[in-house]
C-alpha atoms as a PDB file:
ATOM      1  CA  UNK A   1     -21.632  37.792 -76.949  1.00  0.00           C
ATOM      2  CA  UNK A   2     -18.741  35.551 -75.987  1.00  0.00           C
ATOM      3  CA  UNK A   3     -17.586  34.581 -72.518  1.00  0.00           C
ATOM      4  CA  UNK A   4     -14.323  33.296 -71.182  1.00  0.00           C
ATOM      5  CA  UNK A   5     -14.300  29.586 -70.432  1.00  0.00           C
ATOM      6  CA  UNK A   6     -15.620  28.950 -66.936  1.00  0.00           C
ATOM      7  CA  UNK A   7     -13.259  26.552 -65.146  1.00  0.00           C
ATOM      8  CA  UNK A   8     -16.036  25.508 -62.781  1.00  0.00           C
ATOM      9  CA  UNK A   9     -18.100  24.290 -65.705  1.00  0.00           C
ATOM     10  CA  UNK A  10     -21.810  23.828 -66.240  1.00  0.00           C
ATOM     11  CA  UNK A  11     -23.841  20.692 -65.575  1.00  0.00           C
ATOM     12  CA  UNK A  12     -26.914  20.081 -67.721  1.00  0.00           C
ATOM     13  CA  UNK A  13     -29.092  17.459 -66.018  1.00  0.00           C
ATOM     14  CA  UNK A  14     -32.076  15.811 -67.695  1.00  0.00           C
ATOM     15  CA  UNK A  15     -34.530  13.961 -65.458  1.00  0.00           C
ATOM     16  CA  UNK A  16     -36.797  11.360 -67.027  1.00  0.00           C
ATOM     17  CA  UNK A  17     -40.571  11.286 -66.972  1.00  0.00           C
ATOM     18  CA  UNK A  18     -40.788   8.099 -64.907  1.00  0.00           C
ATOM     19  CA  UNK A  19     -38.985   9.886 -62.058  1.00  0.00           C
ATOM     20  CA  UNK A  20     -40.999  13.067 -62.520  1.00  0.00           C
ATOM     21  CA  UNK A  21     -44.228  11.068 -62.245  1.00  0.00           C
ATOM     22  CA  UNK A  22     -43.132   9.402 -58.982  1.00  0.00           C
ATOM     23  CA  UNK A  23     -43.527  11.975 -56.156  1.00  0.00           C
ATOM     24  CA  UNK A  24     -41.149  10.225 -53.725  1.00  0.00           C
ATOM     25  CA  UNK A  25     -38.464   9.584 -56.346  1.00  0.00           C
ATOM     26  CA  UNK A  26     -38.728  13.153 -57.621  1.00  0.00           C
ATOM     27  CA  UNK A  27     -38.479  14.671 -54.143  1.00  0.00           C
ATOM     28  CA  UNK A  28     -35.406  12.542 -53.384  1.00  0.00           C
ATOM     29  CA  UNK A  29     -33.758  13.459 -56.690  1.00  0.00           C
ATOM     30  CA  UNK A  30     -34.360  17.172 -56.217  1.00  0.00           C
ATOM     31  CA  UNK A  31     -32.815  17.076 -52.733  1.00  0.00           C
ATOM     32  CA  UNK A  32     -29.704  15.528 -54.291  1.00  0.00           C
ATOM     33  CA  UNK A  33     -29.760  17.901 -57.252  1.00  0.00           C
ATOM     34  CA  UNK A  34     -29.775  20.867 -54.874  1.00  0.00           C
ATOM     35  CA  UNK A  35     -26.508  19.548 -53.389  1.00  0.00           C
ATOM     36  CA  UNK A  36     -24.825  19.155 -56.776  1.00  0.00           C
ATOM     37  CA  UNK A  37     -21.991  21.667 -56.769  1.00  0.00           C
ATOM     38  CA  UNK A  38     -21.387  24.291 -59.432  1.00  0.00           C
ATOM     39  CA  UNK A  39     -23.511  25.936 -62.084  1.00  0.00           C
ATOM     40  CA  UNK A  40     -26.362  23.696 -63.208  1.00  0.00           C
ATOM     41  CA  UNK A  41     -29.372  23.511 -65.471  1.00  0.00           C
ATOM     42  CA  UNK A  42     -32.284  21.075 -65.102  1.00  0.00           C
ATOM     43  CA  UNK A  43     -34.372  19.701 -67.975  1.00  0.00           C
ATOM     44  CA  UNK A  44     -37.427  17.561 -67.289  1.00  0.00           C
ATOM     45  CA  UNK A  45     -39.795  15.314 -69.180  1.00  0.00           C
ATOM     46  CA  UNK A  46     -43.278  14.260 -68.140  1.00  0.00           C
ATOM     47  CA  UNK A  47     -44.836  12.154 -70.862  1.00  0.00           C
ATOM     48  CA  UNK A  48     -46.577   9.736 -68.510  1.00  0.00           C
ATOM     49  CA  UNK A  49     -48.527  12.520 -66.806  1.00  0.00           C
ATOM     50  CA  UNK A  50     -49.432  14.046 -70.161  1.00  0.00           C
ATOM     51  CA  UNK A  51     -50.753  10.705 -71.399  1.00  0.00           C
ATOM     52  CA  UNK A  52     -52.802  10.224 -68.223  1.00  0.00           C
ATOM     53  CA  UNK A  53     -54.321  13.692 -68.445  1.00  0.00           C
ATOM     54  CA  UNK A  54     -55.100  13.153 -72.138  1.00  0.00           C
ATOM     55  CA  UNK A  55     -57.016  10.025 -71.176  1.00  0.00           C
ATOM     56  CA  UNK A  56     -58.860  11.846 -68.378  1.00  0.00           C
ATOM     57  CA  UNK A  57     -59.874  14.661 -70.747  1.00  0.00           C
ATOM     58  CA  UNK A  58     -60.745  12.396 -73.647  1.00  0.00           C
ATOM     59  CA  UNK A  59     -57.939  13.689 -75.867  1.00  0.00           C
ATOM     60  CA  UNK A  60     -56.815  10.915 -78.193  1.00  0.00           C
ATOM     61  CA  UNK A  61     -53.113  10.031 -77.941  1.00  0.00           C
ATOM     62  CA  UNK A  62     -51.474   8.814 -81.149  1.00  0.00           C
ATOM     63  CA  UNK A  63     -48.009   7.255 -81.018  1.00  0.00           C
ATOM     64  CA  UNK A  64     -45.848   6.350 -84.017  1.00  0.00           C
ATOM     65  CA  UNK A  65     -42.759   4.244 -83.265  1.00  0.00           C
ATOM     66  CA  UNK A  66     -42.933   5.330 -79.629  1.00  0.00           C
ATOM     67  CA  UNK A  67     -43.169   9.033 -80.456  1.00  0.00           C
ATOM     68  CA  UNK A  68     -46.174  11.193 -79.632  1.00  0.00           C
ATOM     69  CA  UNK A  69     -48.057  12.832 -82.483  1.00  0.00           C
ATOM     70  CA  UNK A  70     -48.813  16.392 -81.373  1.00  0.00           C
ATOM     71  CA  UNK A  71     -52.001  17.679 -82.965  1.00  0.00           C
ATOM     72  CA  UNK A  72     -53.546  21.025 -81.977  1.00  0.00           C
ATOM     73  CA  UNK A  73     -55.442  19.653 -78.965  1.00  0.00           C
ATOM     74  CA  UNK A  74     -52.486  17.611 -77.757  1.00  0.00           C
ATOM     75  CA  UNK A  75     -50.256  20.679 -78.035  1.00  0.00           C
ATOM     76  CA  UNK A  76     -52.544  22.591 -75.681  1.00  0.00           C
ATOM     77  CA  UNK A  77     -52.485  19.715 -73.219  1.00  0.00           C
ATOM     78  CA  UNK A  78     -48.714  19.110 -73.203  1.00  0.00           C
ATOM     79  CA  UNK A  79     -48.020  22.845 -72.908  1.00  0.00           C
ATOM     80  CA  UNK A  80     -50.280  23.030 -69.835  1.00  0.00           C
ATOM     81  CA  UNK A  81     -48.779  19.908 -68.261  1.00  0.00           C
ATOM     82  CA  UNK A  82     -45.088  20.444 -69.068  1.00  0.00           C
ATOM     83  CA  UNK A  83     -44.760  24.226 -68.805  1.00  0.00           C
ATOM     84  CA  UNK A  84     -47.413  24.527 -66.111  1.00  0.00           C
ATOM     85  CA  UNK A  85     -48.010  21.925 -63.435  1.00  0.00           C
ATOM     86  CA  UNK A  86     -44.812  19.858 -63.743  1.00  0.00           C
ATOM     87  CA  UNK A  87     -42.414  22.747 -64.264  1.00  0.00           C
ATOM     88  CA  UNK A  88     -43.758  24.884 -61.437  1.00  0.00           C
ATOM     89  CA  UNK A  89     -44.053  21.916 -59.062  1.00  0.00           C
ATOM     90  CA  UNK A  90     -40.380  21.129 -59.597  1.00  0.00           C
ATOM     91  CA  UNK A  91     -39.412  24.764 -59.041  1.00  0.00           C
ATOM     92  CA  UNK A  92     -41.476  24.867 -55.852  1.00  0.00           C
ATOM     93  CA  UNK A  93     -39.711  21.776 -54.488  1.00  0.00           C
ATOM     94  CA  UNK A  94     -36.302  23.238 -55.358  1.00  0.00           C
ATOM     95  CA  UNK A  95     -37.205  26.470 -53.574  1.00  0.00           C
ATOM     96  CA  UNK A  96     -38.233  24.360 -50.560  1.00  0.00           C
ATOM     97  CA  UNK A  97     -34.751  22.813 -50.651  1.00  0.00           C
ATOM     98  CA  UNK A  98     -33.053  26.210 -50.722  1.00  0.00           C
ATOM     99  CA  UNK A  99     -32.242  26.110 -54.432  1.00  0.00           C
ATOM    100  CA  UNK A 100     -33.186  29.378 -56.131  1.00  0.00           C
ATOM    101  CA  UNK A 101     -34.695  28.133 -59.401  1.00  0.00           C
ATOM    102  CA  UNK A 102     -36.699  29.623 -62.232  1.00  0.00           C
ATOM    103  CA  UNK A 103     -39.077  27.636 -64.444  1.00  0.00           C
ATOM    104  CA  UNK A 104     -38.688  28.233 -68.174  1.00  0.00           C
ATOM    105  CA  UNK A 105     -39.734  26.966 -71.563  1.00  0.00           C
ATOM    106  CA  UNK A 106     -37.875  27.464 -74.810  1.00  0.00           C
ATOM    107  CA  UNK A 107     -40.295  30.289 -75.601  1.00  0.00           C
ATOM    108  CA  UNK A 108     -39.213  32.514 -72.706  1.00  0.00           C
ATOM    109  CA  UNK A 109     -36.572  35.088 -73.683  1.00  0.00           C
ATOM    110  CA  UNK A 110     -36.406  33.261 -77.031  1.00  0.00           C
ATOM    111  CA  UNK A 111     -34.084  30.761 -75.324  1.00  0.00           C
ATOM    112  CA  UNK A 112     -34.798  27.761 -77.544  1.00  0.00           C
ATOM    113  CA  UNK A 113     -36.409  28.540 -80.898  1.00  0.00           C
ATOM    114  CA  UNK A 114     -37.055  25.490 -83.057  1.00  0.00           C
ATOM    115  CA  UNK A 115     -38.052  24.486 -86.556  1.00  0.00           C
ATOM    116  CA  UNK A 116     -41.338  22.648 -87.034  1.00  0.00           C
ATOM    117  CA  UNK A 117     -40.511  19.137 -88.153  1.00  0.00           C
ATOM    118  CA  UNK A 118     -41.310  18.283 -91.759  1.00  0.00           C
ATOM    119  CA  UNK A 119     -44.443  16.237 -92.329  1.00  0.00           C
ATOM    120  CA  UNK A 120     -42.421  13.935 -94.596  1.00  0.00           C
ATOM    121  CA  UNK A 121     -42.042  10.976 -94.242  1.00  0.00           C
ATOM    122  CA  UNK A 122     -44.119  11.001 -91.008  1.00  0.00           C
ATOM    123  CA  UNK A 123     -46.301  13.882 -89.824  1.00  0.00           C
ATOM    124  CA  UNK A 124     -45.755  14.264 -86.076  1.00  0.00           C
ATOM    125  CA  UNK A 125     -47.702  17.508 -85.969  1.00  0.00           C
ATOM    126  CA  UNK A 126     -46.537  20.425 -83.825  1.00  0.00           C
ATOM    127  CA  UNK A 127     -43.099  19.008 -83.018  1.00  0.00           C
ATOM    128  CA  UNK A 128     -39.990  21.157 -82.939  1.00  0.00           C
ATOM    129  CA  UNK A 129     -36.363  20.418 -83.769  1.00  0.00           C
ATOM    130  CA  UNK A 130     -34.069  22.990 -82.102  1.00  0.00           C
ATOM    131  CA  UNK A 131     -30.539  23.941 -83.069  1.00  0.00           C
ATOM    132  CA  UNK A 132     -27.754  24.664 -80.528  1.00  0.00           C
ATOM    133  CA  UNK A 133     -26.644  27.611 -82.684  1.00  0.00           C
ATOM    134  CA  UNK A 134     -29.910  29.450 -81.991  1.00  0.00           C
ATOM    135  CA  UNK A 135     -30.005  28.981 -78.204  1.00  0.00           C
ATOM    136  CA  UNK A 136     -29.950  32.210 -76.193  1.00  0.00           C
ATOM    137  CA  UNK A 137     -26.879  31.150 -74.200  1.00  0.00           C
ATOM    138  CA  UNK A 138     -26.086  34.655 -72.851  1.00  0.00           C
ATOM    139  CA  UNK A 139     -29.446  34.736 -71.056  1.00  0.00           C
ATOM    140  CA  UNK A 140     -28.792  31.349 -69.430  1.00  0.00           C
ATOM    141  CA  UNK A 141     -25.273  32.457 -68.541  1.00  0.00           C
ATOM    142  CA  UNK A 142     -26.613  35.568 -66.823  1.00  0.00           C
ATOM    143  CA  UNK A 143     -29.012  33.474 -64.723  1.00  0.00           C
ATOM    144  CA  UNK A 144     -26.225  31.090 -63.701  1.00  0.00           C
ATOM    145  CA  UNK A 145     -23.971  34.000 -62.751  1.00  0.00           C
ATOM    146  CA  UNK A 146     -26.739  35.167 -60.413  1.00  0.00           C
ATOM    147  CA  UNK A 147     -26.869  31.661 -58.878  1.00  0.00           C
ATOM    148  CA  UNK A 148     -30.326  31.062 -60.340  1.00  0.00           C
ATOM    149  CA  UNK A 149     -30.954  27.525 -61.590  1.00  0.00           C
ATOM    150  CA  UNK A 150     -32.932  27.375 -64.863  1.00  0.00           C
ATOM    151  CA  UNK A 151     -35.476  24.537 -65.005  1.00  0.00           C
ATOM    152  CA  UNK A 152     -36.591  23.783 -68.560  1.00  0.00           C
ATOM    153  CA  UNK A 153     -39.644  21.958 -69.796  1.00  0.00           C
ATOM    154  CA  UNK A 154     -39.758  20.534 -73.319  1.00  0.00           C
ATOM    155  CA  UNK A 155     -41.798  23.253 -75.016  1.00  0.00           C
ATOM    156  CA  UNK A 156     -40.196  25.412 -77.728  1.00  0.00           C
ATOM    157  CA  UNK A 157     -41.568  27.739 -80.427  1.00  0.00           C
ATOM    158  CA  UNK A 158     -41.235  28.350 -84.144  1.00  0.00           C
ATOM    159  CA  UNK A 159     -40.663  32.159 -83.953  1.00  0.00           C
ATOM    160  CA  UNK A 160     -43.952  32.540 -85.875  1.00  0.00           C
ATOM    161  CA  UNK A 161     -46.279  32.445 -82.882  1.00  0.00           C
ATOM    162  CA  UNK A 162     -46.745  28.694 -82.506  1.00  0.00           C
ATOM    163  CA  UNK A 163     -45.663  26.519 -79.605  1.00  0.00           C
ATOM    164  CA  UNK A 164     -43.920  23.251 -80.409  1.00  0.00           C
ATOM    165  CA  UNK A 165     -43.575  20.011 -78.459  1.00  0.00           C
ATOM    166  CA  UNK A 166     -39.950  18.838 -78.299  1.00  0.00           C
ATOM    167  CA  UNK A 167     -38.284  15.709 -76.965  1.00  0.00           C
ATOM    168  CA  UNK A 168     -36.779  16.460 -73.531  1.00  0.00           C
ATOM    169  CA  UNK A 169     -33.600  14.482 -74.296  1.00  0.00           C
ATOM    170  CA  UNK A 170     -33.160  16.690 -77.360  1.00  0.00           C
ATOM    171  CA  UNK A 171     -33.641  19.835 -75.254  1.00  0.00           C
ATOM    172  CA  UNK A 172     -30.883  18.639 -72.911  1.00  0.00           C
ATOM    173  CA  UNK A 173     -28.587  17.879 -75.843  1.00  0.00           C
ATOM    174  CA  UNK A 174     -29.283  21.249 -77.453  1.00  0.00           C
ATOM    175  CA  UNK A 175     -28.636  23.214 -74.264  1.00  0.00           C
ATOM    176  CA  UNK A 176     -25.461  21.295 -73.406  1.00  0.00           C
ATOM    177  CA  UNK A 177     -23.940  21.825 -76.850  1.00  0.00           C
ATOM    178  CA  UNK A 178     -24.837  25.525 -76.826  1.00  0.00           C
ATOM    179  CA  UNK A 179     -23.408  26.052 -73.329  1.00  0.00           C
ATOM    180  CA  UNK A 180     -20.247  24.113 -74.162  1.00  0.00           C
ATOM    181  CA  UNK A 181     -19.246  27.090 -76.308  1.00  0.00           C
ATOM    182  CA  UNK A 182     -18.972  29.296 -73.204  1.00  0.00           C
ATOM    183  CA  UNK A 183     -17.899  26.811 -70.513  1.00  0.00           C
ATOM    184  CA  UNK A 184     -16.835  23.234 -69.918  1.00  0.00           C
ATOM    185  CA  UNK A 185     -20.148  21.365 -69.950  1.00  0.00           C
ATOM    186  CA  UNK A 186     -21.188  17.928 -68.716  1.00  0.00           C
ATOM    187  CA  UNK A 187     -24.483  16.343 -69.734  1.00  0.00           C
ATOM    188  CA  UNK A 188     -26.319  13.996 -67.363  1.00  0.00           C
ATOM    189  CA  UNK A 189     -29.223  11.782 -68.388  1.00  0.00           C
ATOM    190  CA  UNK A 190     -30.909  10.615 -65.175  1.00  0.00           C
ATOM    191  CA  UNK A 191     -33.727   8.087 -65.303  1.00  0.00           C
ATOM    192  CA  UNK A 192     -35.004   4.884 -63.656  1.00  0.00           C
ATOM    193  CA  UNK A 193     -32.240   2.519 -64.885  1.00  0.00           C
ATOM    194  CA  UNK A 194     -28.699   2.114 -63.517  1.00  0.00           C
ATOM    195  CA  UNK A 195     -27.201   3.174 -66.838  1.00  0.00           C
ATOM    196  CA  UNK A 196     -26.770   1.536 -70.224  1.00  0.00           C
ATOM    197  CA  UNK A 197     -27.445  -2.167 -69.686  1.00  0.00           C
ATOM    198  CA  UNK A 198     -26.398  -5.203 -71.715  1.00  0.00           C
ATOM    199  CA  UNK A 199     -29.547  -6.910 -70.464  1.00  0.00           C
ATOM    200  CA  UNK A 200     -32.516  -4.614 -69.879  1.00  0.00           C
ATOM    201  CA  UNK A 201     -33.881  -7.029 -67.249  1.00  0.00           C
ATOM    202  CA  UNK A 202     -30.607  -7.255 -65.298  1.00  0.00           C
ATOM    203  CA  UNK A 203     -29.658  -4.028 -63.445  1.00  0.00           C
ATOM    204  CA  UNK A 204     -26.201  -5.473 -62.696  1.00  0.00           C
ATOM    205  CA  UNK A 205     -25.345  -5.722 -66.415  1.00  0.00           C
ATOM    206  CA  UNK A 206     -24.353  -2.072 -66.565  1.00  0.00           C
ATOM    207  CA  UNK A 207     -21.817  -0.940 -69.154  1.00  0.00           C
ATOM    208  CA  UNK A 208     -19.512   1.336 -67.132  1.00  0.00           C
ATOM    209  CA  UNK A 209     -17.936   3.096 -70.120  1.00  0.00           C
ATOM    210  CA  UNK A 210     -18.927   3.247 -73.735  1.00  0.00           C
ATOM    211  CA  UNK A 211     -17.278   4.615 -76.851  1.00  0.00           C
ATOM    212  CA  UNK A 212     -19.026   5.430 -80.095  1.00  0.00           C
ATOM    213  CA  UNK A 213     -17.483   2.401 -81.816  1.00  0.00           C
ATOM    214  CA  UNK A 214     -18.618   0.100 -78.997  1.00  0.00           C
ATOM    215  CA  UNK A 215     -22.099   1.608 -79.146  1.00  0.00           C
ATOM    216  CA  UNK A 216     -22.339   0.891 -82.863  1.00  0.00           C
ATOM    217  CA  UNK A 217     -21.246  -2.712 -82.242  1.00  0.00           C
ATOM    218  CA  UNK A 218     -23.859  -3.216 -79.502  1.00  0.00           C
ATOM    219  CA  UNK A 219     -26.428  -1.627 -81.798  1.00  0.00           C
ATOM    220  CA  UNK A 220     -25.659  -4.065 -84.617  1.00  0.00           C
ATOM    221  CA  UNK A 221     -26.020  -6.949 -82.148  1.00  0.00           C
ATOM    222  CA  UNK A 222     -29.391  -5.621 -80.858  1.00  0.00           C
ATOM    223  CA  UNK A 223     -27.930  -5.404 -77.339  1.00  0.00           C
ATOM    224  CA  UNK A 224     -28.878  -1.731 -77.257  1.00  0.00           C
ATOM    225  CA  UNK A 225     -32.379  -1.081 -78.525  1.00  0.00           C
ATOM    226  CA  UNK A 226     -35.611   0.857 -77.984  1.00  0.00           C
ATOM    227  CA  UNK A 227     -35.619   4.180 -76.190  1.00  0.00           C
ATOM    228  CA  UNK A 228     -31.907   3.973 -75.360  1.00  0.00           C
ATOM    229  CA  UNK A 229     -30.987   4.459 -79.026  1.00  0.00           C
ATOM    230  CA  UNK A 230     -32.044   8.138 -79.373  1.00  0.00           C
ATOM    231  CA  UNK A 231     -30.567   8.876 -75.927  1.00  0.00           C
ATOM    232  CA  UNK A 232     -27.169   7.510 -76.953  1.00  0.00           C
ATOM    233  CA  UNK A 233     -27.443   9.101 -80.386  1.00  0.00           C
ATOM    234  CA  UNK A 234     -27.933  12.497 -78.734  1.00  0.00           C
ATOM    235  CA  UNK A 235     -25.120  11.769 -76.274  1.00  0.00           C
ATOM    236  CA  UNK A 236     -22.461  10.998 -78.865  1.00  0.00           C
ATOM    237  CA  UNK A 237     -23.591  13.918 -81.009  1.00  0.00           C
ATOM    238  CA  UNK A 238     -23.141  16.142 -77.951  1.00  0.00           C
ATOM    239  CA  UNK A 239     -19.587  14.880 -77.458  1.00  0.00           C
ATOM    240  CA  UNK A 240     -18.856  15.421 -81.162  1.00  0.00           C
ATOM    241  CA  UNK A 241     -20.092  19.013 -80.776  1.00  0.00           C
ATOM    242  CA  UNK A 242     -17.941  19.913 -77.768  1.00  0.00           C
ATOM    243  CA  UNK A 243     -19.624  18.593 -74.607  1.00  0.00           C
ATOM    244  CA  UNK A 244     -16.883  17.341 -72.285  1.00  0.00           C
ATOM    245  CA  UNK A 245     -18.603  14.246 -70.952  1.00  0.00           C
ATOM    246  CA  UNK A 246     -21.978  12.501 -70.901  1.00  0.00           C
ATOM    247  CA  UNK A 247     -23.182  10.338 -68.020  1.00  0.00           C
ATOM    248  CA  UNK A 248     -26.248   8.087 -68.109  1.00  0.00           C
ATOM    249  CA  UNK A 249     -27.388   6.935 -64.670  1.00  0.00           C
ATOM    250  CA  UNK A 250     -30.162   6.241 -62.222  1.00  0.00           C
ATOM    251  CA  UNK A 251     -31.546   9.442 -60.736  1.00  0.00           C
ATOM    252  CA  UNK A 252     -30.535   8.275 -57.244  1.00  0.00           C
ATOM    253  CA  UNK A 253     -26.863   8.368 -58.298  1.00  0.00           C
ATOM    254  CA  UNK A 254     -26.594  12.017 -59.318  1.00  0.00           C
ATOM    255  CA  UNK A 255     -24.210  12.746 -56.432  1.00  0.00           C
ATOM    256  CA  UNK A 256     -22.014   9.620 -56.533  1.00  0.00           C
ATOM    257  CA  UNK A 257     -22.174   9.641 -60.358  1.00  0.00           C
ATOM    258  CA  UNK A 258     -22.356   5.861 -60.731  1.00  0.00           C
ATOM    259  CA  UNK A 259     -23.545   4.947 -64.183  1.00  0.00           C
ATOM    260  CA  UNK A 260     -22.336   4.772 -67.776  1.00  0.00           C
ATOM    261  CA  UNK A 261     -19.730   7.283 -68.938  1.00  0.00           C
ATOM    262  CA  UNK A 262     -19.591   7.989 -72.643  1.00  0.00           C
ATOM    263  CA  UNK A 263     -16.417   8.860 -74.501  1.00  0.00           C
ATOM    264  CA  UNK A 264     -15.479   9.434 -78.102  1.00  0.00           C
ATOM    265  CA  UNK A 265     -12.707   6.835 -77.875  1.00  0.00           C
ATOM    266  CA  UNK A 266     -10.530   5.041 -75.332  1.00  0.00           C
ATOM    267  CA  UNK A 267      -7.624   7.198 -76.450  1.00  0.00           C
ATOM    268  CA  UNK A 268      -9.443  10.165 -74.883  1.00  0.00           C
ATOM    269  CA  UNK A 269      -9.959   8.186 -71.673  1.00  0.00           C
ATOM    270  CA  UNK A 270      -6.235   7.471 -71.421  1.00  0.00           C
ATOM    271  CA  UNK A 271      -5.379  11.146 -71.830  1.00  0.00           C
END
């Protein structure tokens, strides 16, 4: 089913786990998010809480290059934490703020099916890689038309009966690309930093705008490293696939939109 382009556009907002795990920061962000005008979708992480609960329950956490290995026991835990406590707590706070939200995973209404990641060269277990082409965009569109805000956790499924753990940044990318086919879509990555920084220890070293070529230069110089790399990789892929704009910012700046704006090239900026 195809829809006419929506001039108002859709905002896909991803909130990082460090904000989710801070009750005061989360409450403040959600009050601001409620005021964000237009159609919007929220995606949340929650890895810190999952790691803490794993420790409390004696479930061993294995990380490879900063990525969680999801074995059968870990899958049960992250599904309970992400799709249960965190997701419903966020929805409850949004309802308190007068924002009519619904908590969802990728399993519900077959919104985000995924493919279980290959065990080669590294076996990450029950981890899913979704494709924008398979997203149930009409269902999301119908919710938005009813002024219902979808709130997604990072759990998908393999269409064979198994849940899959999926990176929340990837969920946000996947949804934004899929929705860009029916409306002008902007992707926001909101976390605990001011944006993309030249110096991770200096919050004033923010890069206000960034093109793909500039990103690759910073990458070669090791100015951009660590967890920012997959975030920027997803961001530029999203722009390549039709997302209008990507903003990376501190969660407190969702309304004033201060942060790093990503573009394909400066020629696009000038237009």
